[in-house]
Amino acid sequence: MNLEKMYEIQAGLKARIEKEHPFKDGYDELILRPTKKLLAFLVELGECANEHRGFKFWSKDQNPRYETKCHSCKGIGSFNGEESCLYCSGTGIQERPLIEEYVDGLHFLLELGIDKNQRIIEPFTTVISDDKDIDYQFIGIYGAIMDYYRSGGNIRSYKKLFRLYFGLGEMLGFTPEQIEQAYYEKNAINILRQESGY
């Protein structure tokens, strides 16, 4: 995984967003925007947990949403075995909600490091909860985000958060290559959104 490249790409998106949505004043730049990024990270983490579904003890459907079949071709990828489905580009897969939510959180994790000039570059070790229960991993990340906030964003708390988040990716079954590829794909979507006035 090329983390250095991912930080650079995220820095480019960050600069573009700041140009399109400039700071109102110093308070906005130093206090409000960083707080909003932390809240956005918490929201994305919750959306990732929602797509994982493992915590939903009340539901009979606790299977992670690794992919969703295309609604148009019903997951076949073509019509009548000849015409390729344009909606899913012939893959049969409409979306991959779990990894998409995971990399949405990763965008904010990288940006937190950029904001404080703290970049974690390989090699690093992931951290997985002691009992290897993914629910505890999610909760541990929530706690680490709050520790990061309370510490004023120090490097020690950022490293812990970073290692826990990549531990979550490992627990979700994603390889570093899958995470990196999904990150690039979502970044391209984020750029298009900025171009269209999202």
Foldseek 3Di string as FASTA:
>chain_A
DFQVVLLVLLVVLVVLVCVLVPQPDPCCVQPVVLVVLLVQLLVLLVQLCVQCQCVPPVDPDNHHQQFDFDPPCCQQQAPPVPHGDPCCRSRRTNGGRNLLSLLSSVSSLSVLCVSVVHGDGDDDAADADPVNDLVVLSVVLVVLSVVCVVVVNDNVSSNNNVRSSVNSCVSVPHDPVNNVVSNVVVSVVSVVCSVVVD
